[in-house]
Amino acid sequence: MTGRKKEAETAVKAAEKAGYRVNPRLKDDIKRM
């Protein structure tokens, strides 16, 4: 939301590593940033 793509990508990886299912739409939105 605040335009920090690199941090968003890192946070998604950490969430998934922790076993959390990240919404695919969020991942797509981050990819398109």
Full PDB file with SEQRES, HELIX, SHEET, SSBOND, CRYST1, ORIGX, SCALE, CONECT and MASTER records, all heavy atoms in Angstrom:
SEQRES   1 A   33  MET THR GLY ARG LYS LYS GLU ALA GLU THR ALA VAL LYS          
SEQRES   2 A   33  ALA ALA GLU LYS ALA GLY TYR ARG VAL ASN PRO ARG LEU          
SEQRES   3 A   33  LYS ASP ASP ILE LYS ARG MET                                  
HELIX    1 AA1 LYS A    5  LYS A   17  1                                  13    
HELIX    2 AA2 PRO A   24  ARG A   32  1                                   9    
CRYST1    1.000    1.000    1.000  90.00  90.00  90.00 P 1           1          
ORIGX1      1.000000  0.000000  0.000000        0.00000                         
ORIGX2      0.000000  1.000000  0.000000        0.00000                         
ORIGX3      0.000000  0.000000  1.000000        0.00000                         
SCALE1      1.000000  0.000000  0.000000        0.00000                         
SCALE2      0.000000  1.000000  0.000000        0.00000                         
SCALE3      0.000000  0.000000  1.000000        0.00000                         
ATOM      1  N   MET A   1       0.823  -1.220   0.000  1.00  0.00           N  
ATOM      2  CA  MET A   1       0.000   0.000   0.000  1.00  0.00           C  
ATOM      3  C   MET A   1       0.851   1.261   0.000  1.00  0.00           C  
ATOM      4  O   MET A   1       0.428   2.295  -0.520  1.00  0.00           O  
ATOM      5  CB  MET A   1      -0.910   0.040   1.232  1.00  0.00           C  
ATOM      6  CG  MET A   1      -2.041  -0.942   1.204  1.00  0.00           C  
ATOM      7  SD  MET A   1      -2.973  -0.898   2.756  1.00  0.00           S  
ATOM      8  CE  MET A   1      -3.431   0.831   2.837  1.00  0.00           C  
ATOM      9  N   THR A   2       2.020   1.177   0.599  1.00  0.00           N  
ATOM     10  CA  THR A   2       2.874   2.360   0.723  1.00  0.00           C  
ATOM     11  C   THR A   2       4.002   2.366  -0.304  1.00  0.00           C  
ATOM     12  O   THR A   2       4.960   3.138  -0.172  1.00  0.00           O  
ATOM     13  CB  THR A   2       3.429   2.477   2.160  1.00  0.00           C  
ATOM     14  OG1 THR A   2       4.124   1.275   2.501  1.00  0.00           O  
ATOM     15  CG2 THR A   2       2.312   2.725   3.165  1.00  0.00           C  
ATOM     16  N   GLY A   3       3.904   1.500  -1.311  1.00  0.00           N  
ATOM     17  CA  GLY A   3       4.830   1.531  -2.433  1.00  0.00           C  
ATOM     18  C   GLY A   3       6.199   0.936  -2.178  1.00  0.00           C  
ATOM     19  O   GLY A   3       7.146   1.249  -2.891  1.00  0.00           O  
ATOM     20  N   ARG A   4       6.321   0.088  -1.174  1.00  0.00           N  
ATOM     21  CA  ARG A   4       7.614  -0.508  -0.839  1.00  0.00           C  
ATOM     22  C   ARG A   4       7.660  -1.959  -1.333  1.00  0.00           C  
ATOM     23  O   ARG A   4       7.476  -2.898  -0.572  1.00  0.00           O  
ATOM     24  CB  ARG A   4       7.865  -0.419   0.665  1.00  0.00           C  
ATOM     25  CG  ARG A   4       7.996   1.027   1.118  1.00  0.00           C  
ATOM     26  CD  ARG A   4       8.295   1.136   2.586  1.00  0.00           C  
ATOM     27  NE  ARG A   4       7.040   1.075   3.340  1.00  0.00           N  
ATOM     28  CZ  ARG A   4       6.989   1.021   4.662  1.00  0.00           C  
ATOM     29  NH1 ARG A   4       8.077   0.977   5.383  1.00  0.00           N  
ATOM     30  NH2 ARG A   4       5.825   0.993   5.263  1.00  0.00           N  
ATOM     31  N   LYS A   5       7.897  -2.105  -2.626  1.00  0.00           N  
ATOM     32  CA  LYS A   5       7.833  -3.409  -3.284  1.00  0.00           C  
ATOM     33  C   LYS A   5       8.817  -4.413  -2.684  1.00  0.00           C  
ATOM     34  O   LYS A   5       8.440  -5.547  -2.389  1.00  0.00           O  
ATOM     35  CB  LYS A   5       8.080  -3.267  -4.782  1.00  0.00           C  
ATOM     36  CG  LYS A   5       7.989  -4.585  -5.531  1.00  0.00           C  
ATOM     37  CD  LYS A   5       8.151  -4.409  -7.021  1.00  0.00           C  
ATOM     38  CE  LYS A   5       7.954  -5.742  -7.720  1.00  0.00           C  
ATOM     39  NZ  LYS A   5       7.901  -5.579  -9.171  1.00  0.00           N  
ATOM     40  N   LYS A   6      10.060  -4.032  -2.545  1.00  0.00           N  
ATOM     41  CA  LYS A   6      11.084  -4.968  -2.054  1.00  0.00           C  
ATOM     42  C   LYS A   6      10.716  -5.483  -0.660  1.00  0.00           C  
ATOM     43  O   LYS A   6      10.811  -6.677  -0.382  1.00  0.00           O  
ATOM     44  CB  LYS A   6      12.450  -4.297  -2.041  1.00  0.00           C  
ATOM     45  CG  LYS A   6      13.579  -5.221  -1.634  1.00  0.00           C  
ATOM     46  CD  LYS A   6      14.919  -4.557  -1.840  1.00  0.00           C  
ATOM     47  CE  LYS A   6      15.587  -5.355  -2.917  1.00  0.00           C  
ATOM     48  NZ  LYS A   6      16.754  -4.813  -3.505  1.00  0.00           N  
ATOM     49  N   GLU A   7      10.298  -4.587   0.229  1.00  0.00           N  
ATOM     50  CA  GLU A   7       9.896  -4.987   1.579  1.00  0.00           C  
ATOM     51  C   GLU A   7       8.665  -5.891   1.534  1.00  0.00           C  
ATOM     52  O   GLU A   7       8.575  -6.855   2.299  1.00  0.00           O  
ATOM     53  CB  GLU A   7       9.625  -3.768   2.459  1.00  0.00           C  
ATOM     54  CG  GLU A   7      10.864  -2.976   2.802  1.00  0.00           C  
ATOM     55  CD  GLU A   7      11.125  -1.823   1.846  1.00  0.00           C  
ATOM     56  OE1 GLU A   7      10.707  -1.890   0.668  1.00  0.00           O  
ATOM     57  OE2 GLU A   7      11.782  -0.855   2.265  1.00  0.00           O  
ATOM     58  N   ALA A   8       7.722  -5.577   0.626  1.00  0.00           N  
ATOM     59  CA  ALA A   8       6.520  -6.395   0.487  1.00  0.00           C  
ATOM     60  C   ALA A   8       6.878  -7.815   0.043  1.00  0.00           C  
ATOM     61  O   ALA A   8       6.357  -8.795   0.581  1.00  0.00           O  
ATOM     62  CB  ALA A   8       5.549  -5.749  -0.502  1.00  0.00           C  
ATOM     63  N   GLU A   9       7.776  -7.925  -0.926  1.00  0.00           N  
ATOM     64  CA  GLU A   9       8.201  -9.244  -1.405  1.00  0.00           C  
ATOM     65  C   GLU A   9       8.876 -10.043  -0.282  1.00  0.00           C  
ATOM     66  O   GLU A   9       8.615 -11.244  -0.121  1.00  0.00           O  
ATOM     67  CB  GLU A   9       9.148  -9.101  -2.591  1.00  0.00           C  
ATOM     68  CG  GLU A   9       8.484  -8.577  -3.833  1.00  0.00           C  
ATOM     69  CD  GLU A   9       9.464  -8.193  -4.945  1.00  0.00           C  
ATOM     70  OE1 GLU A   9      10.646  -7.877  -4.641  1.00  0.00           O  
ATOM     71  OE2 GLU A   9       9.040  -8.210  -6.104  1.00  0.00           O  
ATOM     72  N   THR A  10       9.707  -9.380   0.477  1.00  0.00           N  
ATOM     73  CA  THR A  10      10.398 -10.041   1.593  1.00  0.00           C  
ATOM     74  C   THR A  10       9.398 -10.514   2.645  1.00  0.00           C  
ATOM     75  O   THR A  10       9.510 -11.625   3.173  1.00  0.00           O  
ATOM     76  CB  THR A  10      11.435  -9.083   2.218  1.00  0.00           C  
ATOM     77  OG1 THR A  10      12.375  -8.709   1.208  1.00  0.00           O  
ATOM     78  CG2 THR A  10      12.152  -9.719   3.389  1.00  0.00           C  
ATOM     79  N   ALA A  11       8.406  -9.686   2.944  1.00  0.00           N  
ATOM     80  CA  ALA A  11       7.393 -10.043   3.940  1.00  0.00           C  
ATOM     81  C   ALA A  11       6.539 -11.220   3.460  1.00  0.00           C  
ATOM     82  O   ALA A  11       6.188 -12.094   4.260  1.00  0.00           O  
ATOM     83  CB  ALA A  11       6.519  -8.834   4.269  1.00  0.00           C  
ATOM     84  N   VAL A  12       6.223 -11.265   2.165  1.00  0.00           N  
ATOM     85  CA  VAL A  12       5.463 -12.402   1.618  1.00  0.00           C  
ATOM     86  C   VAL A  12       6.261 -13.688   1.787  1.00  0.00           C  
ATOM     87  O   VAL A  12       5.727 -14.715   2.235  1.00  0.00           O  
ATOM     88  CB  VAL A  12       5.092 -12.174   0.131  1.00  0.00           C  
ATOM     89  CG1 VAL A  12       4.650 -13.472  -0.541  1.00  0.00           C  
ATOM     90  CG2 VAL A  12       3.997 -11.124   0.010  1.00  0.00           C  
ATOM     91  N   LYS A  13       7.529 -13.645   1.455  1.00  0.00           N  
ATOM     92  CA  LYS A  13       8.375 -14.836   1.605  1.00  0.00           C  
ATOM     93  C   LYS A  13       8.423 -15.295   3.058  1.00  0.00           C  
ATOM     94  O   LYS A  13       8.352 -16.494   3.342  1.00  0.00           O  
ATOM     95  CB  LYS A  13       9.787 -14.557   1.082  1.00  0.00           C  
ATOM     96  CG  LYS A  13       9.859 -14.471  -0.421  1.00  0.00           C  
ATOM     97  CD  LYS A  13      11.272 -14.130  -0.884  1.00  0.00           C  
ATOM     98  CE  LYS A  13      11.275 -13.862  -2.386  1.00  0.00           C  
ATOM     99  NZ  LYS A  13      12.540 -13.308  -2.843  1.00  0.00           N  
ATOM    100  N   ALA A  14       8.547 -14.360   3.974  1.00  0.00           N  
ATOM    101  CA  ALA A  14       8.597 -14.706   5.401  1.00  0.00           C  
ATOM    102  C   ALA A  14       7.271 -15.301   5.864  1.00  0.00           C  
ATOM    103  O   ALA A  14       7.250 -16.263   6.643  1.00  0.00           O  
ATOM    104  CB  ALA A  14       8.954 -13.480   6.231  1.00  0.00           C  
ATOM    105  N   ALA A  15       6.157 -14.749   5.381  1.00  0.00           N  
ATOM    106  CA  ALA A  15       4.842 -15.285   5.749  1.00  0.00           C  
ATOM    107  C   ALA A  15       4.695 -16.719   5.264  1.00  0.00           C  
ATOM    108  O   ALA A  15       4.252 -17.603   6.014  1.00  0.00           O  
ATOM    109  CB  ALA A  15       3.733 -14.403   5.170  1.00  0.00           C  
ATOM    110  N   GLU A  16       5.076 -16.950   4.019  1.00  0.00           N  
ATOM    111  CA  GLU A  16       4.959 -18.298   3.463  1.00  0.00           C  
ATOM    112  C   GLU A  16       5.915 -19.274   4.152  1.00  0.00           C  
ATOM    113  O   GLU A  16       5.545 -20.428   4.406  1.00  0.00           O  
ATOM    114  CB  GLU A  16       5.181 -18.268   1.949  1.00  0.00           C  
ATOM    115  CG  GLU A  16       4.053 -17.561   1.239  1.00  0.00           C  
ATOM    116  CD  GLU A  16       4.218 -17.459  -0.259  1.00  0.00           C  
ATOM    117  OE1 GLU A  16       5.370 -17.366  -0.746  1.00  0.00           O  
ATOM    118  OE2 GLU A  16       3.178 -17.482  -0.945  1.00  0.00           O  
ATOM    119  N   LYS A  17       7.093 -18.817   4.472  1.00  0.00           N  
ATOM    120  CA  LYS A  17       8.054 -19.669   5.182  1.00  0.00           C  
ATOM    121  C   LYS A  17       7.498 -20.075   6.541  1.00  0.00           C  
ATOM    122  O   LYS A  17       7.742 -21.178   7.022  1.00  0.00           O  
ATOM    123  CB  LYS A  17       9.383 -18.939   5.344  1.00  0.00           C  
ATOM    124  CG  LYS A  17      10.448 -19.765   6.011  1.00  0.00           C  
ATOM    125  CD  LYS A  17      11.763 -19.028   6.100  1.00  0.00           C  
ATOM    126  CE  LYS A  17      12.796 -19.902   6.795  1.00  0.00           C  
ATOM    127  NZ  LYS A  17      14.039 -19.181   7.018  1.00  0.00           N  
ATOM    128  N   ALA A  18       6.730 -19.185   7.152  1.00  0.00           N  
ATOM    129  CA  ALA A  18       6.112 -19.469   8.451  1.00  0.00           C  
ATOM    130  C   ALA A  18       4.872 -20.352   8.315  1.00  0.00           C  
ATOM    131  O   ALA A  18       4.258 -20.711   9.310  1.00  0.00           O  
ATOM    132  CB  ALA A  18       5.759 -18.165   9.157  1.00  0.00           C  
ATOM    133  N   GLY A  19       4.506 -20.690   7.072  1.00  0.00           N  
ATOM    134  CA  GLY A  19       3.355 -21.558   6.853  1.00  0.00           C  
ATOM    135  C   GLY A  19       2.041 -20.829   6.641  1.00  0.00           C  
ATOM    136  O   GLY A  19       0.979 -21.449   6.626  1.00  0.00           O  
ATOM    137  N   TYR A  20       2.091 -19.522   6.475  1.00  0.00           N  
ATOM    138  CA  TYR A  20       0.872 -18.731   6.277  1.00  0.00           C  
ATOM    139  C   TYR A  20       0.521 -18.702   4.794  1.00  0.00           C  
ATOM    140  O   TYR A  20       1.396 -18.503   3.957  1.00  0.00           O  
ATOM    141  CB  TYR A  20       1.078 -17.304   6.793  1.00  0.00           C  
ATOM    142  CG  TYR A  20      -0.190 -16.511   6.872  1.00  0.00           C  
ATOM    143  CD1 TYR A  20      -1.016 -16.596   7.980  1.00  0.00           C  
ATOM    144  CD2 TYR A  20      -0.581 -15.679   5.828  1.00  0.00           C  
ATOM    145  CE1 TYR A  20      -2.189 -15.879   8.059  1.00  0.00           C  
ATOM    146  CE2 TYR A  20      -1.750 -14.958   5.898  1.00  0.00           C  
ATOM    147  CZ  TYR A  20      -2.557 -15.061   7.018  1.00  0.00           C  
ATOM    148  OH  TYR A  20      -3.727 -14.353   7.080  1.00  0.00           O  
ATOM    149  N   ARG A  21      -0.742 -18.900   4.467  1.00  0.00           N  
ATOM    150  CA  ARG A  21      -1.189 -18.862   3.077  1.00  0.00           C  
ATOM    151  C   ARG A  21      -1.480 -17.408   2.693  1.00  0.00           C  
ATOM    152  O   ARG A  21      -2.448 -16.808   3.152  1.00  0.00           O  
ATOM    153  CB  ARG A  21      -2.442 -19.698   2.864  1.00  0.00           C  
ATOM    154  CG  ARG A  21      -2.849 -19.739   1.414  1.00  0.00           C  
ATOM    155  CD  ARG A  21      -4.177 -20.475   1.228  1.00  0.00           C  
ATOM    156  NE  ARG A  21      -4.624 -20.373  -0.140  1.00  0.00           N  
ATOM    157  CZ  ARG A  21      -5.251 -19.332  -0.671  1.00  0.00           C  
ATOM    158  NH1 ARG A  21      -5.490 -18.267   0.051  1.00  0.00           N  
ATOM    159  NH2 ARG A  21      -5.633 -19.334  -1.929  1.00  0.00           N  
ATOM    160  N   VAL A  22      -0.622 -16.853   1.862  1.00  0.00           N  
ATOM    161  CA  VAL A  22      -0.770 -15.472   1.403  1.00  0.00           C  
ATOM    162  C   VAL A  22      -1.758 -15.453   0.245  1.00  0.00           C  
ATOM    163  O   VAL A  22      -1.692 -16.286  -0.659  1.00  0.00           O  
ATOM    164  CB  VAL A  22       0.598 -14.891   0.965  1.00  0.00           C  
ATOM    165  CG1 VAL A  22       0.451 -13.492   0.406  1.00  0.00           C  
ATOM    166  CG2 VAL A  22       1.574 -14.907   2.137  1.00  0.00           C  
ATOM    167  N   ASN A  23      -2.665 -14.508   0.273  1.00  0.00           N  
ATOM    168  CA  ASN A  23      -3.664 -14.372  -0.782  1.00  0.00           C  
ATOM    169  C   ASN A  23      -2.960 -14.169  -2.130  1.00  0.00           C  
ATOM    170  O   ASN A  23      -2.130 -13.262  -2.271  1.00  0.00           O  
ATOM    171  CB  ASN A  23      -4.566 -13.177  -0.464  1.00  0.00           C  
ATOM    172  CG  ASN A  23      -5.729 -13.043  -1.414  1.00  0.00           C  
ATOM    173  OD1 ASN A  23      -5.569 -13.121  -2.624  1.00  0.00           O  
ATOM    174  ND2 ASN A  23      -6.900 -12.823  -0.853  1.00  0.00           N  
ATOM    175  N   PRO A  24      -3.309 -14.983  -3.133  1.00  0.00           N  
ATOM    176  CA  PRO A  24      -2.671 -14.842  -4.441  1.00  0.00           C  
ATOM    177  C   PRO A  24      -2.855 -13.457  -5.053  1.00  0.00           C  
ATOM    178  O   PRO A  24      -1.987 -12.975  -5.783  1.00  0.00           O  
ATOM    179  CB  PRO A  24      -3.346 -15.911  -5.298  1.00  0.00           C  
ATOM    180  CG  PRO A  24      -3.938 -16.879  -4.331  1.00  0.00           C  
ATOM    181  CD  PRO A  24      -4.229 -16.103  -3.084  1.00  0.00           C  
ATOM    182  N   ARG A  25      -3.952 -12.812  -4.753  1.00  0.00           N  
ATOM    183  CA  ARG A  25      -4.178 -11.468  -5.292  1.00  0.00           C  
ATOM    184  C   ARG A  25      -3.158 -10.475  -4.747  1.00  0.00           C  
ATOM    185  O   ARG A  25      -2.658  -9.613  -5.474  1.00  0.00           O  
ATOM    186  CB  ARG A  25      -5.590 -10.998  -4.982  1.00  0.00           C  
ATOM    187  CG  ARG A  25      -5.886  -9.652  -5.603  1.00  0.00           C  
ATOM    188  CD  ARG A  25      -7.317  -9.282  -5.490  1.00  0.00           C  
ATOM    189  NE  ARG A  25      -7.493  -7.932  -6.014  1.00  0.00           N  
ATOM    190  CZ  ARG A  25      -8.588  -7.261  -5.923  1.00  0.00           C  
ATOM    191  NH1 ARG A  25      -9.644  -7.792  -5.360  1.00  0.00           N  
ATOM    192  NH2 ARG A  25      -8.668  -6.044  -6.414  1.00  0.00           N  
ATOM    193  N   LEU A  26      -2.829 -10.598  -3.452  1.00  0.00           N  
ATOM    194  CA  LEU A  26      -1.805  -9.730  -2.872  1.00  0.00           C  
ATOM    195  C   LEU A  26      -0.472  -9.961  -3.575  1.00  0.00           C  
ATOM    196  O   LEU A  26       0.213  -9.015  -3.943  1.00  0.00           O  
ATOM    197  CB  LEU A  26      -1.666  -9.972  -1.369  1.00  0.00           C  
ATOM    198  CG  LEU A  26      -0.525  -9.218  -0.667  1.00  0.00           C  
ATOM    199  CD1 LEU A  26      -0.657  -7.707  -0.837  1.00  0.00           C  
ATOM    200  CD2 LEU A  26      -0.469  -9.601   0.809  1.00  0.00           C  
ATOM    201  N   LYS A  27      -0.126 -11.233  -3.784  1.00  0.00           N  
ATOM    202  CA  LYS A  27       1.140 -11.532  -4.457  1.00  0.00           C  
ATOM    203  C   LYS A  27       1.146 -10.964  -5.880  1.00  0.00           C  
ATOM    204  O   LYS A  27       2.150 -10.401  -6.315  1.00  0.00           O  
ATOM    205  CB  LYS A  27       1.384 -13.042  -4.467  1.00  0.00           C  
ATOM    206  CG  LYS A  27       1.630 -13.583  -3.073  1.00  0.00           C  
ATOM    207  CD  LYS A  27       2.235 -14.960  -3.021  1.00  0.00           C  
ATOM    208  CE  LYS A  27       1.410 -16.041  -3.599  1.00  0.00           C  
ATOM    209  NZ  LYS A  27       1.951 -17.384  -3.323  1.00  0.00           N  
ATOM    210  N   ASP A  28       0.029 -11.075  -6.593  1.00  0.00           N  
ATOM    211  CA  ASP A  28      -0.058 -10.509  -7.940  1.00  0.00           C  
ATOM    212  C   ASP A  28       0.063  -8.997  -7.925  1.00  0.00           C  
ATOM    213  O   ASP A  28       0.733  -8.398  -8.765  1.00  0.00           O  
ATOM    214  CB  ASP A  28      -1.367 -10.919  -8.623  1.00  0.00           C  
ATOM    215  CG  ASP A  28      -1.406 -12.382  -9.007  1.00  0.00           C  
ATOM    216  OD1 ASP A  28      -0.331 -13.031  -9.089  1.00  0.00           O  
ATOM    217  OD2 ASP A  28      -2.524 -12.900  -9.237  1.00  0.00           O  
ATOM    218  N   ASP A  29      -0.617  -8.372  -6.960  1.00  0.00           N  
ATOM    219  CA  ASP A  29      -0.542  -6.901  -6.838  1.00  0.00           C  
ATOM    220  C   ASP A  29       0.901  -6.451  -6.597  1.00  0.00           C  
ATOM    221  O   ASP A  29       1.350  -5.464  -7.179  1.00  0.00           O  
ATOM    222  CB  ASP A  29      -1.435  -6.410  -5.698  1.00  0.00           C  
ATOM    223  CG  ASP A  29      -2.917  -6.501  -6.020  1.00  0.00           C  
ATOM    224  OD1 ASP A  29      -3.279  -6.719  -7.210  1.00  0.00           O  
ATOM    225  OD2 ASP A  29      -3.732  -6.370  -5.061  1.00  0.00           O  
ATOM    226  N   ILE A  30       1.617  -7.192  -5.770  1.00  0.00           N  
ATOM    227  CA  ILE A  30       3.010  -6.834  -5.481  1.00  0.00           C  
ATOM    228  C   ILE A  30       3.866  -7.022  -6.725  1.00  0.00           C  
ATOM    229  O   ILE A  30       4.705  -6.173  -7.035  1.00  0.00           O  
ATOM    230  CB  ILE A  30       3.543  -7.660  -4.283  1.00  0.00           C  
ATOM    231  CG1 ILE A  30       2.820  -7.237  -2.999  1.00  0.00           C  
ATOM    232  CG2 ILE A  30       5.054  -7.492  -4.138  1.00  0.00           C  
ATOM    233  CD1 ILE A  30       3.048  -8.151  -1.809  1.00  0.00           C  
ATOM    234  N   LYS A  31       3.636  -8.096  -7.465  1.00  0.00           N  
ATOM    235  CA  LYS A  31       4.410  -8.332  -8.704  1.00  0.00           C  
ATOM    236  C   LYS A  31       4.224  -7.201  -9.702  1.00  0.00           C  
ATOM    237  O   LYS A  31       5.141  -6.839 -10.431  1.00  0.00           O  
ATOM    238  CB  LYS A  31       3.983  -9.651  -9.352  1.00  0.00           C  
ATOM    239  CG  LYS A  31       4.596 -10.863  -8.725  1.00  0.00           C  
ATOM    240  CD  LYS A  31       4.164 -12.105  -9.478  1.00  0.00           C  
ATOM    241  CE  LYS A  31       4.602 -13.356  -8.739  1.00  0.00           C  
ATOM    242  NZ  LYS A  31       4.107 -14.565  -9.356  1.00  0.00           N  
ATOM    243  N   ARG A  32       3.018  -6.646  -9.755  1.00  0.00           N  
ATOM    244  CA  ARG A  32       2.714  -5.585 -10.731  1.00  0.00           C  
ATOM    245  C   ARG A  32       3.205  -4.218 -10.279  1.00  0.00           C  
ATOM    246  O   ARG A  32       3.153  -3.258 -11.063  1.00  0.00           O  
ATOM    247  CB  ARG A  32       1.210  -5.538 -10.978  1.00  0.00           C  
ATOM    248  CG  ARG A  32       0.704  -6.672 -11.847  1.00  0.00           C  
ATOM    249  CD  ARG A  32      -0.692  -6.402 -12.370  1.00  0.00           C  
ATOM    250  NE  ARG A  32      -1.651  -6.216 -11.292  1.00  0.00           N  
ATOM    251  CZ  ARG A  32      -2.379  -7.199 -10.766  1.00  0.00           C  
ATOM    252  NH1 ARG A  32      -2.251  -8.411 -11.185  1.00  0.00           N  
ATOM    253  NH2 ARG A  32      -3.231  -6.936  -9.783  1.00  0.00           N  
ATOM    254  N   MET A  33       3.668  -4.116  -9.056  1.00  0.00           N  
ATOM    255  CA  MET A  33       4.166  -2.806  -8.573  1.00  0.00           C  
ATOM    256  C   MET A  33       5.428  -2.428  -9.324  1.00  0.00           C  
ATOM    257  O   MET A  33       6.237  -3.302  -9.661  1.00  0.00           O  
ATOM    258  CB  MET A  33       4.500  -2.896  -7.070  1.00  0.00           C  
ATOM    259  CG  MET A  33       3.319  -3.001  -6.161  1.00  0.00           C  
ATOM    260  SD  MET A  33       3.838  -3.222  -4.427  1.00  0.00           S  
ATOM    261  CE  MET A  33       4.593  -1.615  -4.103  1.00  0.00           C  
TER     262      MET A  33                                                      
MASTER        0    0    0    2    0    0    0    6  261    1    0    3          
END                                                                             
